[in-house]
């Protein structure tokens, strides 16, 4: 119970975010589903879902296995030079932000679930 409260406090105080084009994008939690997908709203009103997958592009020649081990990532698919990893439950934002700040990484962000709007 203490861990859940601490996680809530850290999330509330510091907020959740991701990086896009070298900019920090703030997220506001809207809801969560039973399967672990969290839905966030952006300042422009767009809704994004975040599950347990991230997309990462490393610099040429980087050995990815050390990061797979360090962050407990499971390689799902590699398309050209972009990796799709499965993360531990509810850790996609945290891990992608930590990877983003490493010198070996060109970009890292959750594999977002976009909500389609009706016309």
N, C-alpha and C. Protein backbone atom coordinates (compact mmCIF):
# COMPACT_ATOMS: atom_id res chain seq x y z
N UNK A 1 0.82 -1.19 0.00
CA UNK A 1 0.00 0.00 0.00
C UNK A 1 0.87 1.26 0.00
N UNK A 2 1.97 1.23 0.76
CA UNK A 2 2.86 2.38 0.81
C UNK A 2 3.49 2.64 -0.56
N UNK A 3 3.82 1.55 -1.29
CA UNK A 3 4.42 1.71 -2.62
C UNK A 3 3.46 2.37 -3.58
N UNK A 4 2.19 1.98 -3.52
CA UNK A 4 1.19 2.57 -4.41
C UNK A 4 1.02 4.05 -4.10
N UNK A 5 0.94 4.39 -2.82
CA UNK A 5 0.79 5.79 -2.43
C UNK A 5 2.00 6.61 -2.88
N UNK A 6 3.21 6.07 -2.70
CA UNK A 6 4.42 6.77 -3.11
C UNK A 6 4.43 6.98 -4.63
N UNK A 7 4.06 5.96 -5.40
CA UNK A 7 3.99 6.08 -6.84
C UNK A 7 2.99 7.16 -7.23
N UNK A 8 1.84 7.20 -6.57
CA UNK A 8 0.83 8.21 -6.85
C UNK A 8 1.39 9.60 -6.56
N UNK A 9 2.06 9.77 -5.45
CA UNK A 9 2.63 11.07 -5.08
C UNK A 9 3.69 11.53 -6.08
N UNK A 10 4.57 10.63 -6.48
CA UNK A 10 5.61 10.98 -7.44
C UNK A 10 4.98 11.38 -8.76
N UNK A 11 3.98 10.61 -9.21
CA UNK A 11 3.30 10.93 -10.47
C UNK A 11 2.59 12.26 -10.37
N UNK A 12 1.92 12.51 -9.25
CA UNK A 12 1.18 13.74 -9.08
C UNK A 12 2.10 14.95 -9.01
N UNK A 13 3.19 14.83 -8.27
CA UNK A 13 4.09 15.96 -8.09
C UNK A 13 4.91 16.27 -9.34
N UNK A 14 5.38 15.26 -10.01
CA UNK A 14 6.28 15.47 -11.14
C UNK A 14 5.59 15.32 -12.49
N UNK A 15 4.40 14.75 -12.52
CA UNK A 15 3.68 14.56 -13.77
C UNK A 15 4.32 13.50 -14.64
N UNK A 16 3.59 13.16 -15.68
CA UNK A 16 4.12 12.20 -16.63
C UNK A 16 4.32 12.92 -17.96
N UNK A 17 5.28 12.43 -18.71
CA UNK A 17 5.67 13.12 -19.93
C UNK A 17 6.38 12.14 -20.86
N UNK A 18 6.62 12.60 -22.08
CA UNK A 18 7.48 11.89 -23.02
C UNK A 18 8.18 12.94 -23.85
N UNK A 19 9.18 12.51 -24.61
CA UNK A 19 9.92 13.43 -25.46
C UNK A 19 9.54 13.22 -26.92
N UNK A 20 9.36 14.32 -27.62
CA UNK A 20 9.09 14.28 -29.05
C UNK A 20 9.82 15.44 -29.71
N UNK A 21 10.67 15.13 -30.67
CA UNK A 21 11.45 16.16 -31.37
C UNK A 21 12.19 17.08 -30.39
N UNK A 22 12.84 16.47 -29.42
CA UNK A 22 13.62 17.20 -28.40
C UNK A 22 12.79 18.12 -27.52
N UNK A 23 11.49 17.88 -27.44
CA UNK A 23 10.63 18.66 -26.55
C UNK A 23 9.96 17.72 -25.55
N UNK A 24 9.85 18.21 -24.34
CA UNK A 24 9.18 17.45 -23.29
C UNK A 24 7.67 17.72 -23.41
N UNK A 25 6.89 16.67 -23.61
CA UNK A 25 5.45 16.78 -23.78
C UNK A 25 4.77 16.27 -22.51
N UNK A 26 4.03 17.16 -21.85
CA UNK A 26 3.34 16.81 -20.61
C UNK A 26 2.08 16.00 -20.91
N UNK A 27 1.78 15.05 -20.04
CA UNK A 27 0.61 14.19 -20.17
C UNK A 27 -0.27 14.33 -18.94
N UNK A 28 -1.57 14.27 -19.14
CA UNK A 28 -2.53 14.28 -18.03
C UNK A 28 -3.32 12.98 -18.08
N UNK A 29 -3.24 12.20 -17.01
CA UNK A 29 -3.92 10.91 -16.95
C UNK A 29 -5.42 11.11 -17.02
N UNK A 30 -6.06 10.38 -17.94
CA UNK A 30 -7.51 10.45 -18.10
C UNK A 30 -8.16 9.21 -17.50
N UNK A 31 -7.63 8.03 -17.86
CA UNK A 31 -8.19 6.77 -17.33
C UNK A 31 -7.20 5.64 -17.54
N UNK A 32 -7.52 4.50 -16.93
CA UNK A 32 -6.71 3.29 -17.08
C UNK A 32 -7.64 2.13 -17.39
N UNK A 33 -7.13 1.15 -18.12
CA UNK A 33 -7.92 -0.04 -18.40
C UNK A 33 -7.38 -1.21 -17.57
N UNK A 34 -8.14 -2.27 -17.54
CA UNK A 34 -7.72 -3.44 -16.76
C UNK A 34 -6.47 -4.11 -17.31
N UNK A 35 -6.23 -3.94 -18.60
CA UNK A 35 -5.07 -4.61 -19.19
C UNK A 35 -3.80 -3.76 -19.10
N UNK A 36 -3.85 -2.66 -18.35
CA UNK A 36 -2.65 -1.87 -18.10
C UNK A 36 -2.46 -0.68 -19.00
N UNK A 37 -3.35 -0.48 -19.97
CA UNK A 37 -3.23 0.69 -20.85
C UNK A 37 -3.73 1.92 -20.09
N UNK A 38 -2.89 2.95 -20.09
CA UNK A 38 -3.29 4.22 -19.48
C UNK A 38 -3.55 5.21 -20.61
N UNK A 39 -4.62 5.99 -20.46
CA UNK A 39 -4.97 6.98 -21.46
C UNK A 39 -4.69 8.38 -20.92
N UNK A 40 -4.01 9.17 -21.75
CA UNK A 40 -3.60 10.51 -21.36
C UNK A 40 -4.13 11.52 -22.36
N UNK A 41 -4.34 12.74 -21.88
CA UNK A 41 -4.70 13.83 -22.80
C UNK A 41 -3.50 14.76 -22.94
N UNK A 42 -3.38 15.31 -24.13
CA UNK A 42 -2.36 16.31 -24.41
C UNK A 42 -3.02 17.69 -24.32
N UNK A 43 -2.21 18.73 -24.34
CA UNK A 43 -2.75 20.09 -24.26
C UNK A 43 -3.69 20.41 -25.41
N UNK A 44 -3.49 19.78 -26.56
CA UNK A 44 -4.34 20.03 -27.72
C UNK A 44 -5.63 19.21 -27.71
N UNK A 45 -5.84 18.42 -26.64
CA UNK A 45 -7.05 17.63 -26.51
C UNK A 45 -6.93 16.21 -27.05
N UNK A 46 -5.86 15.92 -27.73
CA UNK A 46 -5.66 14.57 -28.26
C UNK A 46 -5.51 13.57 -27.12
N UNK A 47 -6.07 12.38 -27.31
CA UNK A 47 -5.96 11.31 -26.32
C UNK A 47 -5.00 10.25 -26.84
N UNK A 48 -4.03 9.87 -26.00
CA UNK A 48 -3.06 8.84 -26.34
C UNK A 48 -3.11 7.73 -25.29
N UNK A 49 -3.03 6.50 -25.76
CA UNK A 49 -2.93 5.37 -24.86
C UNK A 49 -1.49 4.91 -24.78
N UNK A 50 -1.09 4.47 -23.60
CA UNK A 50 0.27 3.96 -23.38
C UNK A 50 0.13 2.57 -22.77
N UNK A 51 0.63 1.57 -23.50
CA UNK A 51 0.62 0.20 -23.01
C UNK A 51 1.99 -0.18 -22.49
N UNK A 52 2.42 -1.36 -22.84
CA UNK A 52 3.69 -1.88 -22.33
C UNK A 52 4.73 -2.07 -23.44
N UNK A 53 4.68 -1.21 -24.44
CA UNK A 53 5.62 -1.31 -25.56
C UNK A 53 6.27 0.05 -25.81
N UNK A 54 7.53 0.00 -26.24
CA UNK A 54 8.25 1.23 -26.59
C UNK A 54 8.96 1.04 -27.93
N UNK A 55 9.20 2.16 -28.60
CA UNK A 55 9.97 2.19 -29.84
C UNK A 55 11.28 2.90 -29.56
N UNK A 56 12.38 2.29 -30.00
CA UNK A 56 13.70 2.86 -29.73
C UNK A 56 14.56 2.79 -30.99
N UNK A 57 15.28 3.87 -31.25
CA UNK A 57 16.28 3.88 -32.31
C UNK A 57 17.62 4.20 -31.66
N UNK A 58 18.57 3.29 -31.83
CA UNK A 58 19.90 3.46 -31.26
C UNK A 58 20.84 4.02 -32.33
N UNK A 59 21.93 4.61 -31.88
CA UNK A 59 22.97 5.04 -32.81
C UNK A 59 23.61 3.80 -33.43
N UNK A 60 24.18 3.98 -34.62
CA UNK A 60 24.81 2.86 -35.32
C UNK A 60 25.89 2.20 -34.47
N UNK A 61 25.90 0.88 -34.49
CA UNK A 61 26.93 0.12 -33.81
C UNK A 61 26.68 -0.15 -32.33
N UNK A 62 25.56 0.33 -31.80
CA UNK A 62 25.27 0.13 -30.37
C UNK A 62 24.79 -1.30 -30.14
N UNK A 63 25.35 -1.94 -29.14
CA UNK A 63 24.93 -3.28 -28.74
C UNK A 63 23.70 -3.14 -27.84
N UNK A 64 22.56 -3.56 -28.34
CA UNK A 64 21.29 -3.34 -27.62
C UNK A 64 21.08 -4.30 -26.45
N UNK A 65 21.78 -5.42 -26.44
CA UNK A 65 21.54 -6.43 -25.40
C UNK A 65 21.79 -5.89 -23.99
N UNK A 66 22.75 -4.98 -23.84
CA UNK A 66 23.01 -4.44 -22.50
C UNK A 66 21.81 -3.63 -22.00
N UNK A 67 21.13 -2.94 -22.91
CA UNK A 67 19.95 -2.17 -22.51
C UNK A 67 18.74 -3.07 -22.29
N UNK A 68 18.66 -4.13 -23.08
CA UNK A 68 17.59 -5.10 -22.87
C UNK A 68 17.68 -5.68 -21.46
N UNK A 69 18.89 -6.00 -21.05
CA UNK A 69 19.11 -6.58 -19.72
C UNK A 69 18.89 -5.54 -18.62
N UNK A 70 19.48 -4.35 -18.79
CA UNK A 70 19.39 -3.31 -17.77
C UNK A 70 17.95 -2.88 -17.49
N UNK A 71 17.14 -2.77 -18.55
CA UNK A 71 15.77 -2.27 -18.40
C UNK A 71 14.72 -3.38 -18.47
N UNK A 72 15.17 -4.63 -18.50
CA UNK A 72 14.27 -5.79 -18.54
C UNK A 72 13.33 -5.71 -19.75
N UNK A 73 13.91 -5.46 -20.92
CA UNK A 73 13.15 -5.33 -22.16
C UNK A 73 13.15 -6.64 -22.92
N UNK A 74 12.06 -6.89 -23.63
CA UNK A 74 11.96 -8.06 -24.49
C UNK A 74 11.78 -7.57 -25.92
N UNK A 75 12.69 -7.96 -26.80
CA UNK A 75 12.60 -7.55 -28.20
C UNK A 75 11.41 -8.25 -28.85
N UNK A 76 10.51 -7.45 -29.41
CA UNK A 76 9.35 -7.98 -30.10
C UNK A 76 9.61 -8.02 -31.60
N UNK A 77 10.16 -6.91 -32.12
CA UNK A 77 10.39 -6.81 -33.55
C UNK A 77 11.41 -5.72 -33.84
N UNK A 78 12.18 -5.93 -34.90
CA UNK A 78 13.10 -4.91 -35.38
C UNK A 78 12.73 -4.62 -36.82
N UNK A 79 12.44 -3.36 -37.11
CA UNK A 79 12.12 -2.93 -38.47
C UNK A 79 13.17 -1.91 -38.87
N UNK A 80 14.02 -2.31 -39.81
CA UNK A 80 15.19 -1.53 -40.21
C UNK A 80 16.03 -1.25 -38.97
N UNK A 81 16.11 0.00 -38.52
CA UNK A 81 16.93 0.31 -37.34
C UNK A 81 16.09 0.78 -36.15
N UNK A 82 14.81 0.43 -36.14
CA UNK A 82 13.92 0.78 -35.03
C UNK A 82 13.49 -0.50 -34.33
N UNK A 83 13.61 -0.49 -33.02
CA UNK A 83 13.30 -1.66 -32.21
C UNK A 83 11.98 -1.46 -31.48
N UNK A 84 11.15 -2.50 -31.47
CA UNK A 84 9.94 -2.53 -30.66
C UNK A 84 10.20 -3.47 -29.51
N UNK A 85 10.17 -2.92 -28.28
CA UNK A 85 10.41 -3.70 -27.07
C UNK A 85 9.15 -3.76 -26.22
N UNK A 86 8.97 -4.89 -25.56
CA UNK A 86 7.95 -4.99 -24.52
C UNK A 86 8.62 -4.64 -23.21
N UNK A 87 7.95 -3.82 -22.41
CA UNK A 87 8.49 -3.39 -21.11
C UNK A 87 7.77 -4.12 -19.98
N UNK A 88 8.33 -4.08 -18.79
CA UNK A 88 7.59 -4.58 -17.64
C UNK A 88 6.30 -3.77 -17.48
N UNK A 89 5.33 -4.35 -16.84
CA UNK A 89 3.99 -3.77 -16.68
C UNK A 89 4.04 -2.32 -16.19
N UNK A 90 3.37 -1.43 -16.92
CA UNK A 90 3.22 0.00 -16.57
C UNK A 90 4.54 0.77 -16.44
N UNK A 91 5.56 0.38 -17.19
CA UNK A 91 6.83 1.09 -17.10
C UNK A 91 7.28 1.70 -18.42
N UNK A 92 6.41 1.71 -19.43
CA UNK A 92 6.80 2.19 -20.76
C UNK A 92 7.23 3.65 -20.74
N UNK A 93 6.49 4.52 -20.07
CA UNK A 93 6.87 5.94 -20.04
C UNK A 93 8.20 6.14 -19.33
N UNK A 94 8.34 5.55 -18.18
CA UNK A 94 9.57 5.72 -17.40
C UNK A 94 10.79 5.20 -18.17
N UNK A 95 10.69 4.00 -18.70
CA UNK A 95 11.83 3.41 -19.39
C UNK A 95 12.16 4.18 -20.67
N UNK A 96 11.15 4.56 -21.43
CA UNK A 96 11.44 5.30 -22.67
C UNK A 96 12.08 6.65 -22.36
N UNK A 97 11.65 7.31 -21.29
CA UNK A 97 12.27 8.59 -20.92
C UNK A 97 13.71 8.41 -20.46
N UNK A 98 13.97 7.35 -19.72
CA UNK A 98 15.33 7.09 -19.28
C UNK A 98 16.24 6.74 -20.46
N UNK A 99 15.74 5.95 -21.39
CA UNK A 99 16.51 5.61 -22.58
C UNK A 99 16.77 6.85 -23.44
N UNK A 100 15.77 7.69 -23.57
CA UNK A 100 15.89 8.91 -24.39
C UNK A 100 17.09 9.76 -23.96
N UNK A 101 17.37 9.77 -22.67
CA UNK A 101 18.44 10.61 -22.13
C UNK A 101 19.82 9.97 -22.21
N UNK A 102 19.94 8.80 -22.82
CA UNK A 102 21.24 8.14 -22.96
C UNK A 102 21.91 8.57 -24.26
N UNK A 103 23.22 8.64 -24.25
CA UNK A 103 23.98 9.05 -25.43
C UNK A 103 23.83 8.08 -26.60
N UNK A 104 23.59 6.80 -26.33
CA UNK A 104 23.49 5.79 -27.38
C UNK A 104 22.15 5.78 -28.11
N UNK A 105 21.20 6.59 -27.65
CA UNK A 105 19.83 6.54 -28.17
C UNK A 105 19.51 7.79 -28.99
N UNK A 106 18.95 7.57 -30.18
CA UNK A 106 18.51 8.68 -31.02
C UNK A 106 17.10 9.11 -30.60
N UNK A 107 16.20 8.14 -30.44
CA UNK A 107 14.88 8.45 -29.88
C UNK A 107 14.34 7.24 -29.16
N UNK A 108 13.44 7.50 -28.22
CA UNK A 108 12.74 6.44 -27.49
C UNK A 108 11.43 7.04 -27.00
N UNK A 109 10.35 6.34 -27.27
CA UNK A 109 9.04 6.77 -26.76
C UNK A 109 8.10 5.58 -26.75
N UNK A 110 7.01 5.68 -25.98
CA UNK A 110 6.05 4.58 -25.97
C UNK A 110 5.47 4.35 -27.36
N UNK A 111 5.04 3.14 -27.61
CA UNK A 111 4.31 2.82 -28.82
C UNK A 111 2.86 3.24 -28.56
N UNK A 112 2.56 4.50 -28.88
CA UNK A 112 1.28 5.09 -28.52
C UNK A 112 0.11 4.43 -29.23
N UNK A 113 -1.00 4.38 -28.52
CA UNK A 113 -2.28 3.94 -29.06
C UNK A 113 -3.06 5.23 -29.31
N UNK A 114 -3.38 5.49 -30.57
CA UNK A 114 -4.11 6.70 -30.91
C UNK A 114 -5.60 6.40 -30.96
N UNK A 115 -6.39 7.26 -30.40
CA UNK A 115 -7.84 7.13 -30.41
C UNK A 115 -8.36 7.81 -31.68
N UNK A 116 -9.11 7.07 -32.47
CA UNK A 116 -9.67 7.62 -33.69
C UNK A 116 -10.94 8.41 -33.37
N UNK A 117 -11.02 9.61 -33.89
CA UNK A 117 -12.20 10.42 -33.69
C UNK A 117 -13.21 10.15 -34.80
N UNK A 118 -14.50 10.17 -34.41
CA UNK A 118 -15.56 9.98 -35.40
C UNK A 118 -15.70 11.25 -36.21
N UNK A 119 -16.05 11.09 -37.48
CA UNK A 119 -16.24 12.26 -38.35
C UNK A 119 -17.65 12.78 -38.19
